Amino acid sequence: MIKLAVFLSGAGSNARNLCGYFAGHPKIEVALLLTNNPHSGAAAISADYDIPFIVFNKANFYQSGAVIQQLSD
């Protein structure tokens, strides 16, 4: 199974389209949504497609390795 992580920062129309396109696909799934904007559409898309999401800040992304850890899981 190919697992995709999708980054979004705004309403997430492209992320929503990707989630819809791959929903039910036998070999590809959107496994994680990531955003640096707590007001983005990530929470709504997550709820609609039952995909986990995380909100990260600059320190999480560049210094702590937390985002990389989530991507490796």
PDB file of N, CA and C in Angstrom:
ATOM      1  N   MET A   1       0.852  -1.183   0.000  1.00  0.00           N
ATOM      2  CA  MET A   1       0.000   0.000   0.000  1.00  0.00           C
ATOM      3  C   MET A   1       0.892   1.238   0.000  1.00  0.00           C
ATOM      4  N   ILE A   2       0.618   2.145  -0.898  1.00  0.00           N
ATOM      5  CA  ILE A   2       1.309   3.439  -0.926  1.00  0.00           C
ATOM      6  C   ILE A   2       0.531   4.394  -0.040  1.00  0.00           C
ATOM      7  N   LYS A   3       1.236   4.997   0.902  1.00  0.00           N
ATOM      8  CA  LYS A   3       0.603   5.938   1.822  1.00  0.00           C
ATOM      9  C   LYS A   3       1.089   7.345   1.523  1.00  0.00           C
ATOM     10  N   LEU A   4       0.140   8.251   1.345  1.00  0.00           N
ATOM     11  CA  LEU A   4       0.453   9.644   1.049  1.00  0.00           C
ATOM     12  C   LEU A   4       0.243  10.514   2.273  1.00  0.00           C
ATOM     13  N   ALA A   5       1.114  11.490   2.447  1.00  0.00           N
ATOM     14  CA  ALA A   5       0.933  12.546   3.429  1.00  0.00           C
ATOM     15  C   ALA A   5       0.686  13.821   2.630  1.00  0.00           C
ATOM     16  N   VAL A   6      -0.352  14.551   2.983  1.00  0.00           N
ATOM     17  CA  VAL A   6      -0.730  15.745   2.237  1.00  0.00           C
ATOM     18  C   VAL A   6      -0.596  16.958   3.153  1.00  0.00           C
ATOM     19  N   PHE A   7       0.168  17.936   2.680  1.00  0.00           N
ATOM     20  CA  PHE A   7       0.343  19.191   3.413  1.00  0.00           C
ATOM     21  C   PHE A   7      -0.660  20.213   2.886  1.00  0.00           C
ATOM     22  N   LEU A   8      -1.250  20.973   3.793  1.00  0.00           N
ATOM     23  CA  LEU A   8      -2.146  22.048   3.398  1.00  0.00           C
ATOM     24  C   LEU A   8      -2.006  23.205   4.368  1.00  0.00           C
ATOM     25  N   SER A   9      -2.324  24.406   3.905  1.00  0.00           N
ATOM     26  CA  SER A   9      -2.216  25.567   4.788  1.00  0.00           C
ATOM     27  C   SER A   9      -3.457  26.442   4.745  1.00  0.00           C
ATOM     28  N   GLY A  10      -4.325  26.219   3.778  1.00  0.00           N
ATOM     29  CA  GLY A  10      -5.527  27.035   3.660  1.00  0.00           C
ATOM     30  C   GLY A  10      -6.767  26.170   3.799  1.00  0.00           C
ATOM     31  N   ALA A  11      -7.754  26.449   2.980  1.00  0.00           N
ATOM     32  CA  ALA A  11      -9.016  25.711   3.053  1.00  0.00           C
ATOM     33  C   ALA A  11      -8.832  24.225   2.735  1.00  0.00           C
ATOM     34  N   GLY A  12      -7.855  23.916   1.909  1.00  0.00           N
ATOM     35  CA  GLY A  12      -7.555  22.516   1.629  1.00  0.00           C
ATOM     36  C   GLY A  12      -8.317  21.925   0.466  1.00  0.00           C
ATOM     37  N   SER A  13      -8.687  22.746  -0.521  1.00  0.00           N
ATOM     38  CA  SER A  13      -9.449  22.210  -1.650  1.00  0.00           C
ATOM     39  C   SER A  13      -8.659  21.147  -2.412  1.00  0.00           C
ATOM     40  N   ASN A  14      -7.381  21.346  -2.589  1.00  0.00           N
ATOM     41  CA  ASN A  14      -6.569  20.321  -3.268  1.00  0.00           C
ATOM     42  C   ASN A  14      -6.456  19.063  -2.414  1.00  0.00           C
ATOM     43  N   ALA A  15      -6.266  19.239  -1.107  1.00  0.00           N
ATOM     44  CA  ALA A  15      -6.188  18.084  -0.207  1.00  0.00           C
ATOM     45  C   ALA A  15      -7.505  17.311  -0.225  1.00  0.00           C
ATOM     46  N   ARG A  16      -8.616  18.032  -0.194  1.00  0.00           N
ATOM     47  CA  ARG A  16      -9.931  17.387  -0.233  1.00  0.00           C
ATOM     48  C   ARG A  16     -10.093  16.598  -1.539  1.00  0.00           C
ATOM     49  N   ASN A  17      -9.672  17.183  -2.651  1.00  0.00           N
ATOM     50  CA  ASN A  17      -9.766  16.484  -3.932  1.00  0.00           C
ATOM     51  C   ASN A  17      -8.914  15.225  -3.951  1.00  0.00           C
ATOM     52  N   LEU A  18      -7.705  15.294  -3.390  1.00  0.00           N
ATOM     53  CA  LEU A  18      -6.853  14.105  -3.315  1.00  0.00           C
ATOM     54  C   LEU A  18      -7.495  13.027  -2.444  1.00  0.00           C
ATOM     55  N   CYS A  19      -8.043  13.428  -1.312  1.00  0.00           N
ATOM     56  CA  CYS A  19      -8.690  12.462  -0.419  1.00  0.00           C
ATOM     57  C   CYS A  19      -9.870  11.786  -1.111  1.00  0.00           C
ATOM     58  N   GLY A  20     -10.660  12.569  -1.817  1.00  0.00           N
ATOM     59  CA  GLY A  20     -11.796  12.002  -2.536  1.00  0.00           C
ATOM     60  C   GLY A  20     -11.362  11.087  -3.661  1.00  0.00           C
ATOM     61  N   TYR A  21     -10.340  11.490  -4.367  1.00  0.00           N
ATOM     62  CA  TYR A  21      -9.859  10.693  -5.503  1.00  0.00           C
ATOM     63  C   TYR A  21      -9.338   9.330  -5.040  1.00  0.00           C
ATOM     64  N   PHE A  22      -8.604   9.308  -3.936  1.00  0.00           N
ATOM     65  CA  PHE A  22      -7.997   8.056  -3.482  1.00  0.00           C
ATOM     66  C   PHE A  22      -8.847   7.286  -2.475  1.00  0.00           C
ATOM     67  N   ALA A  23      -9.999   7.810  -2.094  1.00  0.00           N
ATOM     68  CA  ALA A  23     -10.876   7.087  -1.152  1.00  0.00           C
ATOM     69  C   ALA A  23     -11.285   5.758  -1.779  1.00  0.00           C
ATOM     70  N   GLY A  24     -11.021   4.693  -1.083  1.00  0.00           N
ATOM     71  CA  GLY A  24     -11.370   3.370  -1.577  1.00  0.00           C
ATOM     72  C   GLY A  24     -10.424   2.796  -2.613  1.00  0.00           C
ATOM     73  N   HIS A  25      -9.337   3.494  -2.905  1.00  0.00           N
ATOM     74  CA  HIS A  25      -8.363   2.980  -3.888  1.00  0.00           C
ATOM     75  C   HIS A  25      -7.691   1.737  -3.307  1.00  0.00           C
ATOM     76  N   PRO A  26      -7.518   0.703  -4.111  1.00  0.00           N
ATOM     77  CA  PRO A  26      -6.957  -0.542  -3.569  1.00  0.00           C
ATOM     78  C   PRO A  26      -5.467  -0.487  -3.230  1.00  0.00           C
ATOM     79  N   LYS A  27      -4.727   0.483  -3.790  1.00  0.00           N
ATOM     80  CA  LYS A  27      -3.277   0.484  -3.581  1.00  0.00           C
ATOM     81  C   LYS A  27      -2.721   1.784  -3.016  1.00  0.00           C
ATOM     82  N   ILE A  28      -3.531   2.828  -2.962  1.00  0.00           N
ATOM     83  CA  ILE A  28      -3.044   4.130  -2.521  1.00  0.00           C
ATOM     84  C   ILE A  28      -4.027   4.717  -1.516  1.00  0.00           C
ATOM     85  N   GLU A  29      -3.494   5.266  -0.418  1.00  0.00           N
ATOM     86  CA  GLU A  29      -4.358   5.937   0.550  1.00  0.00           C
ATOM     87  C   GLU A  29      -3.711   7.228   1.042  1.00  0.00           C
ATOM     88  N   VAL A  30      -4.534   8.202   1.323  1.00  0.00           N
ATOM     89  CA  VAL A  30      -4.059   9.393   2.020  1.00  0.00           C
ATOM     90  C   VAL A  30      -4.073   9.023   3.490  1.00  0.00           C
ATOM     91  N   ALA A  31      -2.889   8.931   4.086  1.00  0.00           N
ATOM     92  CA  ALA A  31      -2.762   8.413   5.444  1.00  0.00           C
ATOM     93  C   ALA A  31      -2.634   9.500   6.502  1.00  0.00           C
ATOM     94  N   LEU A  32      -2.272  10.725   6.094  1.00  0.00           N
ATOM     95  CA  LEU A  32      -2.042  11.782   7.070  1.00  0.00           C
ATOM     96  C   LEU A  32      -2.186  13.138   6.407  1.00  0.00           C
ATOM     97  N   LEU A  33      -2.817  14.059   7.118  1.00  0.00           N
ATOM     98  CA  LEU A  33      -2.896  15.459   6.701  1.00  0.00           C
ATOM     99  C   LEU A  33      -2.040  16.271   7.647  1.00  0.00           C
ATOM    100  N   LEU A  34      -1.272  17.207   7.124  1.00  0.00           N
ATOM    101  CA  LEU A  34      -0.403  18.047   7.944  1.00  0.00           C
ATOM    102  C   LEU A  34      -0.629  19.510   7.588  1.00  0.00           C
ATOM    103  N   THR A  35      -0.644  20.361   8.600  1.00  0.00           N
ATOM    104  CA  THR A  35      -0.839  21.784   8.360  1.00  0.00           C
ATOM    105  C   THR A  35      -0.070  22.606   9.378  1.00  0.00           C
ATOM    106  N   ASN A  36       0.336  23.780   8.946  1.00  0.00           N
ATOM    107  CA  ASN A  36       0.969  24.737   9.861  1.00  0.00           C
ATOM    108  C   ASN A  36      -0.031  25.816  10.264  1.00  0.00           C
ATOM    109  N   ASN A  37      -1.271  25.670   9.853  1.00  0.00           N
ATOM    110  CA  ASN A  37      -2.303  26.663  10.120  1.00  0.00           C
ATOM    111  C   ASN A  37      -3.455  26.004  10.888  1.00  0.00           C
ATOM    112  N   PRO A  38      -3.607  26.314  12.167  1.00  0.00           N
ATOM    113  CA  PRO A  38      -4.671  25.682  12.946  1.00  0.00           C
ATOM    114  C   PRO A  38      -6.076  26.033  12.451  1.00  0.00           C
ATOM    115  N   HIS A  39      -6.186  27.035  11.601  1.00  0.00           N
ATOM    116  CA  HIS A  39      -7.490  27.437  11.064  1.00  0.00           C
ATOM    117  C   HIS A  39      -7.723  26.913   9.648  1.00  0.00           C
ATOM    118  N   SER A  40      -6.864  26.024   9.195  1.00  0.00           N
ATOM    119  CA  SER A  40      -6.997  25.459   7.848  1.00  0.00           C
ATOM    120  C   SER A  40      -8.175  24.484   7.819  1.00  0.00           C
ATOM    121  N   GLY A  41      -8.403  23.911   6.669  1.00  0.00           N
ATOM    122  CA  GLY A  41      -9.483  22.942   6.516  1.00  0.00           C
ATOM    123  C   GLY A  41      -9.108  21.530   6.922  1.00  0.00           C
ATOM    124  N   ALA A  42      -7.947  21.349   7.524  1.00  0.00           N
ATOM    125  CA  ALA A  42      -7.474  19.995   7.857  1.00  0.00           C
ATOM    126  C   ALA A  42      -8.428  19.244   8.783  1.00  0.00           C
ATOM    127  N   ALA A  43      -8.957  19.905   9.801  1.00  0.00           N
ATOM    128  CA  ALA A  43      -9.847  19.221  10.753  1.00  0.00           C
ATOM    129  C   ALA A  43     -11.118  18.742  10.066  1.00  0.00           C
ATOM    130  N   ALA A  44     -11.690  19.577   9.212  1.00  0.00           N
ATOM    131  CA  ALA A  44     -12.924  19.195   8.522  1.00  0.00           C
ATOM    132  C   ALA A  44     -12.675  18.052   7.544  1.00  0.00           C
ATOM    133  N   ILE A  45     -11.591  18.123   6.797  1.00  0.00           N
ATOM    134  CA  ILE A  45     -11.266  17.061   5.846  1.00  0.00           C
ATOM    135  C   ILE A  45     -10.976  15.771   6.596  1.00  0.00           C
ATOM    136  N   SER A  46     -10.263  15.895   7.707  1.00  0.00           N
ATOM    137  CA  SER A  46      -9.958  14.740   8.546  1.00  0.00           C
ATOM    138  C   SER A  46     -11.241  14.047   9.000  1.00  0.00           C
ATOM    139  N   ALA A  47     -12.189  14.828   9.445  1.00  0.00           N
ATOM    140  CA  ALA A  47     -13.468  14.267   9.910  1.00  0.00           C
ATOM    141  C   ALA A  47     -14.245  13.636   8.755  1.00  0.00           C
ATOM    142  N   ASP A  48     -14.243  14.279   7.607  1.00  0.00           N
ATOM    143  CA  ASP A  48     -15.002  13.773   6.461  1.00  0.00           C
ATOM    144  C   ASP A  48     -14.452  12.459   5.922  1.00  0.00           C
ATOM    145  N   TYR A  49     -13.138  12.295   5.969  1.00  0.00           N
ATOM    146  CA  TYR A  49     -12.512  11.115   5.363  1.00  0.00           C
ATOM    147  C   TYR A  49     -11.875  10.167   6.386  1.00  0.00           C
ATOM    148  N   ASP A  50     -12.021  10.477   7.660  1.00  0.00           N
ATOM    149  CA  ASP A  50     -11.441   9.642   8.731  1.00  0.00           C
ATOM    150  C   ASP A  50      -9.937   9.451   8.535  1.00  0.00           C
ATOM    151  N   ILE A  51      -9.260  10.580   8.344  1.00  0.00           N
ATOM    152  CA  ILE A  51      -7.813  10.597   8.165  1.00  0.00           C
ATOM    153  C   ILE A  51      -7.224  11.433   9.294  1.00  0.00           C
ATOM    154  N   PRO A  52      -6.207  10.950   9.988  1.00  0.00           N
ATOM    155  CA  PRO A  52      -5.609  11.757  11.050  1.00  0.00           C
ATOM    156  C   PRO A  52      -4.929  13.009  10.503  1.00  0.00           C
ATOM    157  N   PHE A  53      -4.860  14.040  11.342  1.00  0.00           N
ATOM    158  CA  PHE A  53      -4.159  15.263  10.943  1.00  0.00           C
ATOM    159  C   PHE A  53      -3.347  15.784  12.110  1.00  0.00           C
ATOM    160  N   ILE A  54      -2.295  16.520  11.793  1.00  0.00           N
ATOM    161  CA  ILE A  54      -1.510  17.187  12.820  1.00  0.00           C
ATOM    162  C   ILE A  54      -1.292  18.634  12.403  1.00  0.00           C
ATOM    163  N   VAL A  55      -1.232  19.480  13.422  1.00  0.00           N
ATOM    164  CA  VAL A  55      -0.895  20.889  13.239  1.00  0.00           C
ATOM    165  C   VAL A  55       0.507  21.058  13.793  1.00  0.00           C
ATOM    166  N   PHE A  56       1.388  21.641  13.026  1.00  0.00           N
ATOM    167  CA  PHE A  56       2.761  21.819  13.477  1.00  0.00           C
ATOM    168  C   PHE A  56       3.160  23.281  13.349  1.00  0.00           C
ATOM    169  N   ASN A  57       4.177  23.646  14.104  1.00  0.00           N
ATOM    170  CA  ASN A  57       4.729  24.996  13.983  1.00  0.00           C
ATOM    171  C   ASN A  57       6.156  24.892  13.438  1.00  0.00           C
ATOM    172  N   LYS A  58       6.789  26.025  13.271  1.00  0.00           N
ATOM    173  CA  LYS A  58       8.129  26.056  12.667  1.00  0.00           C
ATOM    174  C   LYS A  58       9.132  25.228  13.470  1.00  0.00           C
ATOM    175  N   ALA A  59       9.065  25.323  14.796  1.00  0.00           N
ATOM    176  CA  ALA A  59       9.993  24.557  15.633  1.00  0.00           C
ATOM    177  C   ALA A  59       9.767  23.058  15.462  1.00  0.00           C
ATOM    178  N   ASN A  60       8.499  22.627  15.433  1.00  0.00           N
ATOM    179  CA  ASN A  60       8.214  21.205  15.212  1.00  0.00           C
ATOM    180  C   ASN A  60       8.790  20.727  13.889  1.00  0.00           C
ATOM    181  N   PHE A  61       8.694  21.573  12.891  1.00  0.00           N
ATOM    182  CA  PHE A  61       9.110  21.172  11.559  1.00  0.00           C
ATOM    183  C   PHE A  61      10.629  21.157  11.404  1.00  0.00           C
ATOM    184  N   TYR A  62      11.276  22.216  11.874  1.00  0.00           N
ATOM    185  CA  TYR A  62      12.716  22.354  11.615  1.00  0.00           C
ATOM    186  C   TYR A  62      13.618  21.842  12.724  1.00  0.00           C
ATOM    187  N   GLN A  63      13.168  21.858  13.967  1.00  0.00           N
ATOM    188  CA  GLN A  63      14.088  21.572  15.072  1.00  0.00           C
ATOM    189  C   GLN A  63      13.796  20.284  15.820  1.00  0.00           C
ATOM    190  N   SER A  64      12.557  19.970  16.065  1.00  0.00           N
ATOM    191  CA  SER A  64      12.280  18.852  16.963  1.00  0.00           C
ATOM    192  C   SER A  64      12.272  17.496  16.275  1.00  0.00           C
ATOM    193  N   GLY A  65      12.028  17.469  14.991  1.00  0.00           N
ATOM    194  CA  GLY A  65      11.913  16.182  14.313  1.00  0.00           C
ATOM    195  C   GLY A  65      10.545  15.540  14.482  1.00  0.00           C
ATOM    196  N   ALA A  66       9.607  16.231  15.115  1.00  0.00           N
ATOM    197  CA  ALA A  66       8.276  15.659  15.363  1.00  0.00           C
ATOM    198  C   ALA A  66       7.537  15.372  14.067  1.00  0.00           C
ATOM    199  N   VAL A  67       7.631  16.264  13.104  1.00  0.00           N
ATOM    200  CA  VAL A  67       6.936  16.052  11.835  1.00  0.00           C
ATOM    201  C   VAL A  67       7.565  14.882  11.088  1.00  0.00           C
ATOM    202  N   ILE A  68       8.872  14.817  11.067  1.00  0.00           N
ATOM    203  CA  ILE A  68       9.554  13.697  10.403  1.00  0.00           C
ATOM    204  C   ILE A  68       9.164  12.382  11.054  1.00  0.00           C
ATOM    205  N   GLN A  69       9.061  12.377  12.362  1.00  0.00           N
ATOM    206  CA  GLN A  69       8.647  11.151  13.068  1.00  0.00           C
ATOM    207  C   GLN A  69       7.251  10.723  12.641  1.00  0.00           C
ATOM    208  N   GLN A  70       6.322  11.662  12.551  1.00  0.00           N
ATOM    209  CA  GLN A  70       4.969  11.341  12.106  1.00  0.00           C
ATOM    210  C   GLN A  70       4.978  10.776  10.678  1.00  0.00           C
ATOM    211  N   LEU A  71       5.817  11.340   9.834  1.00  0.00           N
ATOM    212  CA  LEU A  71       5.883  10.861   8.455  1.00  0.00           C
ATOM    213  C   LEU A  71       6.486   9.480   8.365  1.00  0.00           C
ATOM    214  N   SER A  72       7.401   9.138   9.271  1.00  0.00           N
ATOM    215  CA  SER A  72       8.013   7.818   9.213  1.00  0.00           C
ATOM    216  C   SER A  72       7.114   6.728   9.773  1.00  0.00           C
ATOM    217  N   ASP A  73       6.180   7.116  10.622  1.00  0.00           N
ATOM    218  CA  ASP A  73       5.261   6.121  11.197  1.00  0.00           C
ATOM    219  C   ASP A  73       4.314   5.702  10.115  1.00  0.00           C
TER     220      ASP A  73
END
